[in-house]
């Protein structure tokens, strides 16, 4: 297969609290940070990255944790995943949001 897990995005309403929590859980270090997001990476470069993303809404219908799957063949993987039962939620330049058969959203990104 030509796909791997590259990053896990976690939505939050309190970036500082979430950064502190996930750093303590994982031992990851801040790689980059802005007003509305922080990227944590494994200092040993063994694990996938974590992106903590500020959102205005609280947890309701949208899952607050999603996978970002990276592939060098975005169109091919999108087609393959749709063939497995995924549905397209929204396409962006360089990445597409899909939903699994249960409606859990994840992203497929070039890379």
Protein backbone atom coordinates (compact mmCIF):
# COMPACT_ATOMS: atom_id res chain seq x y z
CA UNK A 1 0.00 0.00 0.00
CA UNK A 2 1.10 3.58 -0.64
CA UNK A 3 -0.28 5.23 2.48
CA UNK A 4 0.92 5.87 6.02
CA UNK A 5 -0.32 7.77 9.07
CA UNK A 6 1.59 11.06 9.10
CA UNK A 7 -0.20 13.26 11.64
CA UNK A 8 -3.07 13.19 14.12
CA UNK A 9 -5.14 16.37 14.46
CA UNK A 10 -6.95 17.09 17.70
CA UNK A 11 -9.51 19.90 17.98
CA UNK A 12 -9.53 21.94 21.18
CA UNK A 13 -11.14 24.98 22.76
CA UNK A 14 -8.11 25.70 24.97
CA UNK A 15 -4.81 25.46 23.11
CA UNK A 16 -2.54 26.02 26.11
CA UNK A 17 -4.24 23.35 28.17
CA UNK A 18 -4.17 20.88 25.28
CA UNK A 19 -0.51 21.53 24.45
CA UNK A 20 0.49 20.96 28.08
CA UNK A 21 -1.63 17.81 28.33
CA UNK A 22 -0.37 16.18 25.11
CA UNK A 23 3.26 17.12 25.81
CA UNK A 24 2.95 15.42 29.19
CA UNK A 25 1.24 12.39 27.70
CA UNK A 26 3.70 11.91 24.81
CA UNK A 27 6.93 13.68 25.70
CA UNK A 28 6.66 15.42 22.32
CA UNK A 29 8.21 18.84 21.77
CA UNK A 30 6.65 21.92 20.14
CA UNK A 31 7.81 22.09 16.54
CA UNK A 32 5.76 25.11 15.51
CA UNK A 33 3.01 27.18 17.06
CA UNK A 34 0.65 30.02 16.24
CA UNK A 35 -2.45 31.64 17.68
CA UNK A 36 -4.75 28.84 16.57
CA UNK A 37 -2.54 25.76 16.28
CA UNK A 38 0.48 23.99 17.69
CA UNK A 39 2.37 21.12 16.11
CA UNK A 40 4.05 18.60 18.39
CA UNK A 41 6.60 16.10 17.17
CA UNK A 42 8.37 13.10 18.60
CA UNK A 43 11.92 14.20 19.57
CA UNK A 44 13.13 10.72 18.57
CA UNK A 45 11.34 10.97 15.19
CA UNK A 46 9.67 7.60 15.74
CA UNK A 47 6.02 8.57 16.21
CA UNK A 48 3.50 10.46 14.15
CA UNK A 49 3.03 14.19 14.81
CA UNK A 50 0.16 15.79 16.69
CA UNK A 51 -1.53 18.99 15.52
CA UNK A 52 -3.60 20.77 18.14
CA UNK A 53 -6.13 23.02 16.46
CA UNK A 54 -8.35 25.65 18.11
CA UNK A 55 -12.00 25.45 17.09
CA UNK A 56 -14.86 27.66 18.32
CA UNK A 57 -17.39 24.87 18.87
CA UNK A 58 -17.46 22.37 21.69
CA UNK A 59 -17.65 18.64 21.04
CA UNK A 60 -20.92 17.83 19.34
CA UNK A 61 -21.31 15.83 16.15
CA UNK A 62 -17.84 16.33 14.66
CA UNK A 63 -15.18 14.03 15.98
CA UNK A 64 -12.44 15.94 17.81
CA UNK A 65 -9.71 13.51 16.82
CA UNK A 66 -8.96 12.57 13.23
CA UNK A 67 -6.21 10.92 11.27
CA UNK A 68 -4.21 12.64 8.55
CA UNK A 69 -3.06 9.97 6.11
CA UNK A 70 -0.17 10.89 3.81
CA UNK A 71 0.37 9.47 0.34
CA UNK A 72 2.43 10.31 -2.75
CA UNK A 73 -0.60 9.36 -4.90
CA UNK A 74 -3.50 11.49 -3.65
CA UNK A 75 -5.95 10.78 -6.51
CA UNK A 76 -5.18 7.06 -6.48
CA UNK A 77 -5.61 6.73 -2.72
CA UNK A 78 -8.83 8.77 -2.74
CA UNK A 79 -10.24 6.40 -5.37
CA UNK A 80 -9.03 3.32 -3.47
CA UNK A 81 -10.51 4.53 -0.17
CA UNK A 82 -13.83 5.39 -1.81
CA UNK A 83 -13.82 1.87 -3.18
CA UNK A 84 -13.48 0.59 0.36
CA UNK A 85 -16.57 2.56 1.44
CA UNK A 86 -15.24 6.03 2.33
CA UNK A 87 -17.27 9.05 1.27
CA UNK A 88 -15.85 12.43 0.27
CA UNK A 89 -16.72 15.29 2.61
CA UNK A 90 -14.69 18.12 1.06
CA UNK A 91 -11.75 18.47 -1.31
CA UNK A 92 -9.02 21.05 -0.77
CA UNK A 93 -5.84 21.86 -2.67
CA UNK A 94 -3.43 19.08 -1.64
CA UNK A 95 -5.78 17.25 0.72
CA UNK A 96 -9.26 15.78 0.94
CA UNK A 97 -11.55 15.13 3.89
CA UNK A 98 -13.19 11.72 3.78
CA UNK A 99 -15.54 9.90 6.14
CA UNK A 100 -15.36 6.21 6.96
CA UNK A 101 -18.52 4.10 6.79
CA UNK A 102 -19.42 5.17 10.34
CA UNK A 103 -19.07 8.86 9.47
CA UNK A 104 -15.72 9.42 11.25
CA UNK A 105 -13.80 12.02 9.30
CA UNK A 106 -10.13 11.81 8.31
CA UNK A 107 -7.88 13.60 5.84
CA UNK A 108 -5.84 12.23 2.99
CA UNK A 109 -2.93 14.54 2.15
CA UNK A 110 -0.22 14.72 -0.48
CA UNK A 111 3.13 13.79 0.99
